[in-house]
Amino acid sequence: MRRRRSTSRTIGGGLLAAVLLGALPAGAQSIQDRLVFHPNLQTDLRPTLEHPMRLGARGELKAAEPVWTRSGLWATRPERLWGLAKTEASGQPVWDPSTNAWYAWSMGALVEVKPDGRLSVLLDPMPGWDFDIRAAQGLVVYRDPNKNVIVLRTLGPAGGERILLSGESYFEPRFSPNGRQIVVSDSSTTAGTLWLVTVATGEVRRLGSGHQPSWHPDSQSIFFMRFEDDGYRLTASRLYSHNLASNQRRLLAASKSILMTRPTVSPDGEGIAYYDEASSEVFVARLPNAEGGR
């Protein structure tokens, strides 16, 4: 694939995608597939974290990593979106709330996955598939596996880059919804460590132990997990919130029967969904009113 400068273009053929408009390719998912919980129902959400709601009958809806978007809740992160189905190598798509669109690493490039299946290239090459993006601000952050660094990159022909963190233990950089901060996971300890990076200054702040952080839509707090295990498998999980202004943590739920992982917060900040490691199912609950800095 011929390398070009970082500029947006639409792919209609070649190695990245040979997508024909019309019927979906075999195994591909349209933008609306796998939506299982529509935002219009959020005002009627009654389940609590103590008594969460299973999506679907027991064993009916298997999942992996729920993603809550403005269109609804995906039971699992869509790996085969229409447009990515025919590419030879693609990473998991990432949802960007600033543009209400899906993006993915595909064949070494960062692409936007259009609803009709077209792939619009934003950055080529991009070395890492572990990334997040705020396209409205022209920013992408990713882990470069070749150099073991977390890189902040400005999109566009004159885009520059800045190394935020160095070390092989850093992964899953995630923008705050407003794009002003980035939370980064660190696997150097068993309990995990979360770091907060200010985009404008590059200032790094240690938030403490935790795994799998997820932002509240107001960008004032994050939700994360802590786990217990017996050396072979998870045996218990705890869901916390961390208010960034007060630097206070709050335990929201603890369970040994439902092994909560991969939390994701609804766009209105009222609900939370998570994946149960034990049953491979998705659960939904209403968040306490005090959360999200309110």
C-alpha atoms as a PDB file:
ATOM      1  CA  MET A   1       0.000   0.000   0.000  1.00  0.00           C
ATOM      2  CA  ARG A   2       1.411   3.335  -1.042  1.00  0.00           C
ATOM      3  CA  ARG A   3       2.013   5.614   1.955  1.00  0.00           C
ATOM      4  CA  ARG A   4       0.670   9.160   1.864  1.00  0.00           C
ATOM      5  CA  ARG A   5       0.622  12.116   4.154  1.00  0.00           C
ATOM      6  CA  SER A   6      -1.938  12.313   6.963  1.00  0.00           C
ATOM      7  CA  THR A   7      -4.958  13.503   5.024  1.00  0.00           C
ATOM      8  CA  SER A   8      -8.562  12.402   4.744  1.00  0.00           C
ATOM      9  CA  ARG A   9      -9.577  10.399   1.694  1.00  0.00           C
ATOM     10  CA  THR A  10     -12.264   7.849   0.907  1.00  0.00           C
ATOM     11  CA  ILE A  11     -11.360   4.305  -0.024  1.00  0.00           C
ATOM     12  CA  GLY A  12     -13.454   2.706  -2.727  1.00  0.00           C
ATOM     13  CA  GLY A  13     -11.078  -0.104  -3.662  1.00  0.00           C
ATOM     14  CA  GLY A  14      -7.564  -1.482  -3.187  1.00  0.00           C
ATOM     15  CA  LEU A  15      -6.118  -3.286  -0.190  1.00  0.00           C
ATOM     16  CA  LEU A  16      -7.933  -1.312   2.497  1.00  0.00           C
ATOM     17  CA  ALA A  17     -11.412  -2.100   1.261  1.00  0.00           C
ATOM     18  CA  ALA A  18     -13.185  -3.249  -1.865  1.00  0.00           C
ATOM     19  CA  VAL A  19     -16.666  -2.424  -0.591  1.00  0.00           C
ATOM     20  CA  LEU A  20     -19.615  -2.516  -2.968  1.00  0.00           C
ATOM     21  CA  LEU A  21     -22.739  -0.606  -1.985  1.00  0.00           C
ATOM     22  CA  GLY A  22     -25.776  -2.825  -1.647  1.00  0.00           C
ATOM     23  CA  ALA A  23     -26.082  -6.104   0.272  1.00  0.00           C
ATOM     24  CA  LEU A  24     -23.840  -6.611   3.279  1.00  0.00           C
ATOM     25  CA  PRO A  25     -20.870  -8.939   2.787  1.00  0.00           C
ATOM     26  CA  ALA A  26     -21.178 -12.299   4.542  1.00  0.00           C
ATOM     27  CA  GLY A  27     -20.466 -11.944   8.253  1.00  0.00           C
ATOM     28  CA  ALA A  28     -20.539  -8.131   8.177  1.00  0.00           C
ATOM     29  CA  GLN A  29     -22.546  -5.942  10.542  1.00  0.00           C
ATOM     30  CA  SER A  30     -24.432  -2.835   9.567  1.00  0.00           C
ATOM     31  CA  ILE A  31     -24.273   0.244  11.774  1.00  0.00           C
ATOM     32  CA  GLN A  32     -27.612  -0.698  13.362  1.00  0.00           C
ATOM     33  CA  ASP A  33     -26.863  -4.375  14.048  1.00  0.00           C
ATOM     34  CA  ARG A  34     -26.383  -5.507  17.666  1.00  0.00           C
ATOM     35  CA  LEU A  35     -28.183  -2.494  19.138  1.00  0.00           C
ATOM     36  CA  VAL A  36     -30.005  -3.989  22.081  1.00  0.00           C
ATOM     37  CA  PHE A  37     -31.056  -1.064  24.258  1.00  0.00           C
ATOM     38  CA  HIS A  38     -32.305   2.202  22.803  1.00  0.00           C
ATOM     39  CA  PRO A  39     -31.607   5.518  24.622  1.00  0.00           C
ATOM     40  CA  ASN A  40     -35.333   6.375  24.564  1.00  0.00           C
ATOM     41  CA  LEU A  41     -35.811   3.677  27.179  1.00  0.00           C
ATOM     42  CA  GLN A  42     -33.278   5.184  29.574  1.00  0.00           C
ATOM     43  CA  THR A  43     -35.876   7.317  31.347  1.00  0.00           C
ATOM     44  CA  ASP A  44     -37.712   4.093  32.243  1.00  0.00           C
ATOM     45  CA  LEU A  45     -34.628   2.373  33.628  1.00  0.00           C
ATOM     46  CA  ARG A  46     -35.431   1.006  37.067  1.00  0.00           C
ATOM     47  CA  PRO A  47     -32.742  -1.585  37.811  1.00  0.00           C
ATOM     48  CA  THR A  48     -30.107  -0.578  40.347  1.00  0.00           C
ATOM     49  CA  LEU A  49     -26.515  -1.683  40.772  1.00  0.00           C
ATOM     50  CA  GLU A  50     -27.739  -3.908  43.600  1.00  0.00           C
ATOM     51  CA  HIS A  51     -30.350  -5.455  41.280  1.00  0.00           C
ATOM     52  CA  PRO A  52     -29.157  -4.991  37.670  1.00  0.00           C
ATOM     53  CA  MET A  53     -31.134  -5.972  34.578  1.00  0.00           C
ATOM     54  CA  ARG A  54     -29.889  -8.752  32.300  1.00  0.00           C
ATOM     55  CA  LEU A  55     -30.263  -7.936  28.595  1.00  0.00           C
ATOM     56  CA  GLY A  56     -32.180 -10.822  27.113  1.00  0.00           C
ATOM     57  CA  ALA A  57     -33.159 -14.121  28.683  1.00  0.00           C
ATOM     58  CA  ARG A  58     -30.488 -16.086  30.527  1.00  0.00           C
ATOM     59  CA  GLY A  59     -27.984 -17.402  28.016  1.00  0.00           C
ATOM     60  CA  GLU A  60     -29.783 -15.730  25.091  1.00  0.00           C
ATOM     61  CA  LEU A  61     -27.500 -12.762  24.437  1.00  0.00           C
ATOM     62  CA  LYS A  62     -23.786 -13.470  24.584  1.00  0.00           C
ATOM     63  CA  ALA A  63     -21.409 -10.516  24.551  1.00  0.00           C
ATOM     64  CA  ALA A  64     -17.791  -9.482  24.945  1.00  0.00           C
ATOM     65  CA  GLU A  65     -17.384  -5.738  25.438  1.00  0.00           C
ATOM     66  CA  PRO A  66     -20.498  -3.523  25.490  1.00  0.00           C
ATOM     67  CA  VAL A  67     -20.269  -0.066  23.935  1.00  0.00           C
ATOM     68  CA  TRP A  68     -22.852   2.637  24.601  1.00  0.00           C
ATOM     69  CA  THR A  69     -23.286   5.136  21.765  1.00  0.00           C
ATOM     70  CA  ARG A  70     -25.870   7.824  20.960  1.00  0.00           C
ATOM     71  CA  SER A  71     -27.701   5.296  18.796  1.00  0.00           C
ATOM     72  CA  GLY A  72     -27.978   2.731  21.570  1.00  0.00           C
ATOM     73  CA  LEU A  73     -26.085   0.050  23.425  1.00  0.00           C
ATOM     74  CA  TRP A  74     -24.061  -2.455  21.438  1.00  0.00           C
ATOM     75  CA  ALA A  75     -23.943  -5.829  23.192  1.00  0.00           C
ATOM     76  CA  THR A  76     -20.409  -6.306  21.937  1.00  0.00           C
ATOM     77  CA  ARG A  77     -17.870  -4.110  20.192  1.00  0.00           C
ATOM     78  CA  PRO A  78     -18.553  -4.708  16.458  1.00  0.00           C
ATOM     79  CA  GLU A  79     -15.517  -6.343  14.917  1.00  0.00           C
ATOM     80  CA  ARG A  80     -17.033  -6.847  11.465  1.00  0.00           C
ATOM     81  CA  LEU A  81     -18.690  -3.549  10.606  1.00  0.00           C
ATOM     82  CA  TRP A  82     -19.697  -3.246   6.981  1.00  0.00           C
ATOM     83  CA  GLY A  83     -16.621  -1.789   5.321  1.00  0.00           C
ATOM     84  CA  LEU A  84     -14.173  -3.684   7.526  1.00  0.00           C
ATOM     85  CA  ALA A  85     -15.487  -7.122   6.600  1.00  0.00           C
ATOM     86  CA  LYS A  86     -13.325  -7.447   3.489  1.00  0.00           C
ATOM     87  CA  THR A  87     -10.100  -5.999   4.839  1.00  0.00           C
ATOM     88  CA  GLU A  88      -7.275  -8.405   5.548  1.00  0.00           C
ATOM     89  CA  ALA A  89      -6.389  -6.939   8.938  1.00  0.00           C
ATOM     90  CA  SER A  90      -8.504  -4.696  11.153  1.00  0.00           C
ATOM     91  CA  GLY A  91      -8.593  -3.857  14.829  1.00  0.00           C
ATOM     92  CA  GLN A  92     -11.663  -3.361  16.993  1.00  0.00           C
ATOM     93  CA  PRO A  93     -13.689  -0.260  16.045  1.00  0.00           C
ATOM     94  CA  VAL A  94     -13.724   2.708  18.434  1.00  0.00           C
ATOM     95  CA  TRP A  95     -16.702   5.020  18.958  1.00  0.00           C
ATOM     96  CA  ASP A  96     -16.030   8.776  18.936  1.00  0.00           C
ATOM     97  CA  PRO A  97     -18.739  10.824  20.708  1.00  0.00           C
ATOM     98  CA  SER A  98     -17.388  14.076  19.242  1.00  0.00           C
ATOM     99  CA  THR A  99     -18.430  13.039  15.716  1.00  0.00           C
ATOM    100  CA  ASN A 100     -20.959  10.277  16.481  1.00  0.00           C
ATOM    101  CA  ALA A 101     -18.980   7.884  14.278  1.00  0.00           C
ATOM    102  CA  TRP A 102     -16.956   4.661  14.303  1.00  0.00           C
ATOM    103  CA  TYR A 103     -13.205   4.552  13.608  1.00  0.00           C
ATOM    104  CA  ALA A 104     -10.810   1.642  13.263  1.00  0.00           C
ATOM    105  CA  TRP A 105      -7.237   0.610  12.579  1.00  0.00           C
ATOM    106  CA  SER A 106      -7.224  -1.174   9.239  1.00  0.00           C
ATOM    107  CA  MET A 107      -4.268  -2.336   7.171  1.00  0.00           C
ATOM    108  CA  GLY A 108      -1.922  -0.032   9.068  1.00  0.00           C
ATOM    109  CA  ALA A 109      -4.066   3.091   8.727  1.00  0.00           C
ATOM    110  CA  LEU A 110      -6.631   4.956  10.830  1.00  0.00           C
ATOM    111  CA  VAL A 111      -9.989   4.998   9.046  1.00  0.00           C
ATOM    112  CA  GLU A 112     -13.496   6.296   9.671  1.00  0.00           C
ATOM    113  CA  VAL A 113     -16.134   3.646   8.995  1.00  0.00           C
ATOM    114  CA  LYS A 114     -18.977   5.361   7.143  1.00  0.00           C
ATOM    115  CA  PRO A 115     -22.588   4.112   7.572  1.00  0.00           C
ATOM    116  CA  ASP A 116     -22.610   2.973   3.932  1.00  0.00           C
ATOM    117  CA  GLY A 117     -19.420   0.950   4.392  1.00  0.00           C
ATOM    118  CA  ARG A 118     -16.898   3.346   2.889  1.00  0.00           C
ATOM    119  CA  LEU A 119     -13.589   3.761   4.702  1.00  0.00           C
ATOM    120  CA  SER A 120     -12.195   7.298   4.924  1.00  0.00           C
ATOM    121  CA  VAL A 121      -8.489   7.328   5.760  1.00  0.00           C
ATOM    122  CA  LEU A 122      -7.432   9.912   8.351  1.00  0.00           C
ATOM    123  CA  LEU A 123      -3.884   8.812   9.185  1.00  0.00           C
ATOM    124  CA  ASP A 124      -1.624   6.566   7.136  1.00  0.00           C
ATOM    125  CA  PRO A 125       0.432   4.975   8.538  1.00  0.00           C
ATOM    126  CA  MET A 126      -0.639   4.571  12.162  1.00  0.00           C
ATOM    127  CA  PRO A 127       1.475   1.930  13.926  1.00  0.00           C
ATOM    128  CA  GLY A 128      -0.893   1.056  16.769  1.00  0.00           C
ATOM    129  CA  TRP A 129      -4.363  -0.532  16.803  1.00  0.00           C
ATOM    130  CA  ASP A 130      -4.840   0.349  20.521  1.00  0.00           C
ATOM    131  CA  PHE A 131      -6.149   3.895  20.111  1.00  0.00           C
ATOM    132  CA  ASP A 132      -8.829   6.467  20.831  1.00  0.00           C
ATOM    133  CA  ILE A 133      -9.880   9.486  18.789  1.00  0.00           C
ATOM    134  CA  ARG A 134     -11.571  12.865  19.060  1.00  0.00           C
ATOM    135  CA  ALA A 135     -11.891  13.708  15.395  1.00  0.00           C
ATOM    136  CA  ALA A 136     -13.770  16.954  16.033  1.00  0.00           C
ATOM    137  CA  GLN A 137     -10.645  18.256  17.795  1.00  0.00           C
ATOM    138  CA  GLY A 138      -8.326  16.626  15.253  1.00  0.00           C
ATOM    139  CA  LEU A 139      -6.651  14.383  17.852  1.00  0.00           C
ATOM    140  CA  VAL A 140      -5.810  10.703  18.069  1.00  0.00           C
ATOM    141  CA  VAL A 141      -3.942   8.922  20.872  1.00  0.00           C
ATOM    142  CA  TYR A 142      -2.471   5.463  20.452  1.00  0.00           C
ATOM    143  CA  ARG A 143      -0.008   2.952  21.827  1.00  0.00           C
ATOM    144  CA  ASP A 144       2.948   2.365  19.504  1.00  0.00           C
ATOM    145  CA  PRO A 145       3.838  -1.331  20.050  1.00  0.00           C
ATOM    146  CA  ASN A 146       7.153  -0.953  18.267  1.00  0.00           C
ATOM    147  CA  LYS A 147       8.446   1.768  20.592  1.00  0.00           C
ATOM    148  CA  ASN A 148       6.331   0.989  23.700  1.00  0.00           C
ATOM    149  CA  VAL A 149       5.089   4.577  23.996  1.00  0.00           C
ATOM    150  CA  ILE A 150       1.728   6.339  24.227  1.00  0.00           C
ATOM    151  CA  VAL A 151       1.577   8.923  21.431  1.00  0.00           C
ATOM    152  CA  LEU A 152      -0.727  11.925  21.013  1.00  0.00           C
ATOM    153  CA  ARG A 153      -1.051  12.859  17.345  1.00  0.00           C
ATOM    154  CA  THR A 154      -2.670  15.828  15.624  1.00  0.00           C
ATOM    155  CA  LEU A 155      -4.538  14.834  12.469  1.00  0.00           C
ATOM    156  CA  GLY A 156      -4.054  16.650   9.187  1.00  0.00           C
ATOM    157  CA  PRO A 157      -1.207  17.269   6.719  1.00  0.00           C
ATOM    158  CA  ALA A 158       0.804  19.323   9.223  1.00  0.00           C
ATOM    159  CA  GLY A 159      -0.007  17.077  12.174  1.00  0.00           C
ATOM    160  CA  GLY A 160       2.615  16.702  14.876  1.00  0.00           C
ATOM    161  CA  GLU A 161       3.010  14.134  17.607  1.00  0.00           C
ATOM    162  CA  ARG A 162       3.962  14.059  21.262  1.00  0.00           C
ATOM    163  CA  ILE A 163       5.021  11.130  23.467  1.00  0.00           C
ATOM    164  CA  LEU A 164       2.917  11.133  26.632  1.00  0.00           C
ATOM    165  CA  LEU A 165       4.203   8.021  28.434  1.00  0.00           C
ATOM    166  CA  SER A 166       7.039   5.557  27.818  1.00  0.00           C
ATOM    167  CA  GLY A 167       7.061   1.920  28.909  1.00  0.00           C
ATOM    168  CA  GLU A 168       5.715  -1.442  27.768  1.00  0.00           C
ATOM    169  CA  SER A 169       3.155  -1.599  30.600  1.00  0.00           C
ATOM    170  CA  TYR A 170       1.046   1.346  29.363  1.00  0.00           C
ATOM    171  CA  PHE A 171      -2.013   0.553  27.246  1.00  0.00           C
ATOM    172  CA  GLU A 172      -5.607   1.525  26.398  1.00  0.00           C
ATOM    173  CA  PRO A 173      -5.327   5.334  26.266  1.00  0.00           C
ATOM    174  CA  ARG A 174      -8.847   6.776  26.419  1.00  0.00           C
ATOM    175  CA  PHE A 175      -9.902  10.388  25.823  1.00  0.00           C
ATOM    176  CA  SER A 176     -12.367  12.132  28.088  1.00  0.00           C
ATOM    177  CA  PRO A 177     -15.549  12.945  26.137  1.00  0.00           C
ATOM    178  CA  ASN A 178     -14.479  16.616  25.839  1.00  0.00           C
ATOM    179  CA  GLY A 179     -11.027  15.561  24.594  1.00  0.00           C
ATOM    180  CA  ARG A 180      -9.121  17.517  27.253  1.00  0.00           C
ATOM    181  CA  GLN A 181      -7.784  14.582  29.265  1.00  0.00           C
ATOM    182  CA  ILE A 182      -6.647  11.020  28.660  1.00  0.00           C
ATOM    183  CA  VAL A 183      -6.785   8.119  31.100  1.00  0.00           C
ATOM    184  CA  VAL A 184      -4.144   5.419  30.528  1.00  0.00           C
ATOM    185  CA  SER A 185      -4.003   1.923  32.034  1.00  0.00           C
ATOM    186  CA  ASP A 186      -0.776   0.493  33.482  1.00  0.00           C
ATOM    187  CA  SER A 187      -0.215  -3.260  33.968  1.00  0.00           C
ATOM    188  CA  SER A 188       3.070  -2.999  35.897  1.00  0.00           C
ATOM    189  CA  THR A 189       1.299  -4.119  39.101  1.00  0.00           C
ATOM    190  CA  THR A 190      -1.278  -6.863  39.673  1.00  0.00           C
ATOM    191  CA  ALA A 191      -3.850  -4.340  40.903  1.00  0.00           C
ATOM    192  CA  GLY A 192      -3.245  -2.155  37.852  1.00  0.00           C
ATOM    193  CA  THR A 193      -2.661   1.598  37.898  1.00  0.00           C
ATOM    194  CA  LEU A 194      -4.581   4.408  36.214  1.00  0.00           C
ATOM    195  CA  TRP A 195      -2.869   7.588  35.005  1.00  0.00           C
ATOM    196  CA  LEU A 196      -4.453  10.861  33.910  1.00  0.00           C
ATOM    197  CA  VAL A 197      -2.783  13.016  31.236  1.00  0.00           C
ATOM    198  CA  THR A 198      -3.809  16.611  30.519  1.00  0.00           C
ATOM    199  CA  VAL A 199      -3.815  17.085  26.732  1.00  0.00           C
ATOM    200  CA  ALA A 200      -2.897  20.791  26.723  1.00  0.00           C
ATOM    201  CA  THR A 201       0.109  20.540  29.066  1.00  0.00           C
ATOM    202  CA  GLY A 202       1.125  16.885  29.084  1.00  0.00           C
ATOM    203  CA  GLU A 203       0.893  16.851  32.892  1.00  0.00           C
ATOM    204  CA  VAL A 204       0.631  13.295  34.256  1.00  0.00           C
ATOM    205  CA  ARG A 205      -1.274  12.452  37.437  1.00  0.00           C
ATOM    206  CA  ARG A 206      -1.533   9.091  39.190  1.00  0.00           C
ATOM    207  CA  LEU A 207      -5.135   8.193  39.999  1.00  0.00           C
ATOM    208  CA  GLY A 208      -4.412   4.979  41.894  1.00  0.00           C
ATOM    209  CA  SER A 209      -5.088   1.298  41.325  1.00  0.00           C
ATOM    210  CA  GLY A 210      -7.768   0.063  38.946  1.00  0.00           C
ATOM    211  CA  HIS A 211      -8.617  -1.574  35.633  1.00  0.00           C
ATOM    212  CA  GLN A 212     -10.782  -0.888  32.582  1.00  0.00           C
ATOM    213  CA  PRO A 213     -11.629   2.811  33.081  1.00  0.00           C
ATOM    214  CA  SER A 214     -14.681   4.354  31.408  1.00  0.00           C
ATOM    215  CA  TRP A 215     -15.529   8.057  31.301  1.00  0.00           C
ATOM    216  CA  HIS A 216     -18.709   9.728  32.493  1.00  0.00           C
ATOM    217  CA  PRO A 217     -20.042  11.896  29.618  1.00  0.00           C
ATOM    218  CA  ASP A 218     -19.459  15.119  31.618  1.00  0.00           C
ATOM    219  CA  SER A 219     -15.686  14.346  31.706  1.00  0.00           C
ATOM    220  CA  GLN A 220     -15.596  14.966  35.465  1.00  0.00           C
ATOM    221  CA  SER A 221     -15.347  11.371  36.657  1.00  0.00           C
ATOM    222  CA  ILE A 222     -14.340   7.889  35.569  1.00  0.00           C
ATOM    223  CA  PHE A 223     -15.672   4.448  36.427  1.00  0.00           C
ATOM    224  CA  PHE A 224     -13.318   1.501  36.814  1.00  0.00           C
ATOM    225  CA  MET A 225     -12.996  -2.051  38.095  1.00  0.00           C
ATOM    226  CA  ARG A 226     -10.968  -3.845  40.744  1.00  0.00           C
ATOM    227  CA  PHE A 227     -10.749  -7.631  40.772  1.00  0.00           C
ATOM    228  CA  GLU A 228      -9.950 -10.609  42.981  1.00  0.00           C
ATOM    229  CA  ASP A 229      -8.769 -13.937  41.589  1.00  0.00           C
ATOM    230  CA  ASP A 230      -7.565 -17.361  42.735  1.00  0.00           C
ATOM    231  CA  GLY A 231      -4.582 -17.414  40.400  1.00  0.00           C
ATOM    232  CA  TYR A 232      -6.563 -18.926  37.543  1.00  0.00           C
ATOM    233  CA  ARG A 233      -9.796 -16.972  37.176  1.00  0.00           C
ATOM    234  CA  LEU A 234     -11.691 -13.975  38.512  1.00  0.00           C
ATOM    235  CA  THR A 235     -13.550 -14.644  41.761  1.00  0.00           C
ATOM    236  CA  ALA A 236     -14.939 -11.197  42.646  1.00  0.00           C
ATOM    237  CA  SER A 237     -15.271  -7.722  41.149  1.00  0.00           C
ATOM    238  CA  ARG A 238     -15.890  -4.210  42.456  1.00  0.00           C
ATOM    239  CA  LEU A 239     -17.109  -1.188  40.523  1.00  0.00           C
ATOM    240  CA  TYR A 240     -15.836   2.257  41.602  1.00  0.00           C
ATOM    241  CA  SER A 241     -16.215   5.860  40.555  1.00  0.00           C
ATOM    242  CA  HIS A 242     -13.429   8.441  40.829  1.00  0.00           C
ATOM    243  CA  ASN A 243     -14.330  12.128  40.963  1.00  0.00           C
ATOM    244  CA  LEU A 244     -11.402  13.985  39.388  1.00  0.00           C
ATOM    245  CA  ALA A 245     -12.099  17.350  41.040  1.00  0.00           C
ATOM    246  CA  SER A 246     -12.215  16.015  44.612  1.00  0.00           C
ATOM    247  CA  ASN A 247      -9.912  13.031  43.926  1.00  0.00           C
ATOM    248  CA  GLN A 248     -12.406  10.916  45.868  1.00  0.00           C
ATOM    249  CA  ARG A 249     -13.222   7.293  45.082  1.00  0.00           C
ATOM    250  CA  ARG A 250     -16.563   5.660  45.770  1.00  0.00           C
ATOM    251  CA  LEU A 251     -17.410   1.955  45.819  1.00  0.00           C
ATOM    252  CA  LEU A 252     -20.618   1.518  43.799  1.00  0.00           C
ATOM    253  CA  ALA A 253     -21.046  -2.253  43.667  1.00  0.00           C
ATOM    254  CA  ALA A 254     -19.300  -5.473  44.680  1.00  0.00           C
ATOM    255  CA  SER A 255     -20.155  -8.996  43.562  1.00  0.00           C
ATOM    256  CA  LYS A 256     -18.909 -12.568  43.509  1.00  0.00           C
ATOM    257  CA  SER A 257     -21.820 -13.953  41.491  1.00  0.00           C
ATOM    258  CA  ILE A 258     -21.733 -11.372  38.683  1.00  0.00           C
ATOM    259  CA  LEU A 259     -18.128 -10.723  37.656  1.00  0.00           C
ATOM    260  CA  MET A 260     -18.486  -7.156  36.387  1.00  0.00           C
ATOM    261  CA  THR A 261     -16.009  -6.093  33.675  1.00  0.00           C
ATOM    262  CA  ARG A 262     -15.769  -3.448  30.914  1.00  0.00           C
ATOM    263  CA  PRO A 263     -18.174  -0.784  32.245  1.00  0.00           C
ATOM    264  CA  THR A 264     -19.658   1.698  29.770  1.00  0.00           C
ATOM    265  CA  VAL A 265     -21.785   4.733  30.704  1.00  0.00           C
ATOM    266  CA  SER A 266     -24.838   5.899  28.762  1.00  0.00           C
ATOM    267  CA  PRO A 267     -24.556   9.204  26.841  1.00  0.00           C
ATOM    268  CA  ASP A 268     -26.954  10.922  29.264  1.00  0.00           C
ATOM    269  CA  GLY A 269     -24.963   9.720  32.295  1.00  0.00           C
ATOM    270  CA  GLU A 270     -27.975   7.973  33.810  1.00  0.00           C
ATOM    271  CA  GLY A 271     -27.151   4.329  33.148  1.00  0.00           C
ATOM    272  CA  ILE A 272     -24.211   1.940  33.108  1.00  0.00           C
ATOM    273  CA  ALA A 273     -23.738  -1.382  31.333  1.00  0.00           C
ATOM    274  CA  TYR A 274     -21.095  -4.028  31.943  1.00  0.00           C
ATOM    275  CA  TYR A 275     -20.051  -7.498  30.838  1.00  0.00           C
ATOM    276  CA  ASP A 276     -20.330 -10.469  33.206  1.00  0.00           C
ATOM    277  CA  GLU A 277     -17.193 -12.601  32.916  1.00  0.00           C
ATOM    278  CA  ALA A 278     -19.018 -15.556  34.496  1.00  0.00           C
ATOM    279  CA  SER A 279     -22.013 -15.782  32.137  1.00  0.00           C
ATOM    280  CA  SER A 280     -20.792 -13.813  29.073  1.00  0.00           C
ATOM    281  CA  GLU A 281     -23.895 -11.637  29.364  1.00  0.00           C
ATOM    282  CA  VAL A 282     -24.524  -7.888  29.545  1.00  0.00           C
ATOM    283  CA  PHE A 283     -26.211  -6.203  32.511  1.00  0.00           C
ATOM    284  CA  VAL A 284     -27.615  -2.671  32.773  1.00  0.00           C
ATOM    285  CA  ALA A 285     -28.357  -0.508  35.831  1.00  0.00           C
ATOM    286  CA  ARG A 286     -29.200   3.080  36.721  1.00  0.00           C
ATOM    287  CA  LEU A 287     -26.336   5.045  38.250  1.00  0.00           C
ATOM    288  CA  PRO A 288     -26.762   6.769  41.617  1.00  0.00           C
ATOM    289  CA  ASN A 289     -27.883  10.389  41.105  1.00  0.00           C
ATOM    290  CA  ALA A 290     -24.830  11.720  42.909  1.00  0.00           C
ATOM    291  CA  GLU A 291     -22.455  10.414  40.255  1.00  0.00           C
ATOM    292  CA  GLY A 292     -20.787  12.328  37.441  1.00  0.00           C
ATOM    293  CA  GLY A 293     -19.863  15.365  39.536  1.00  0.00           C
ATOM    294  CA  ARG A 294     -23.482  16.346  40.219  1.00  0.00           C
END
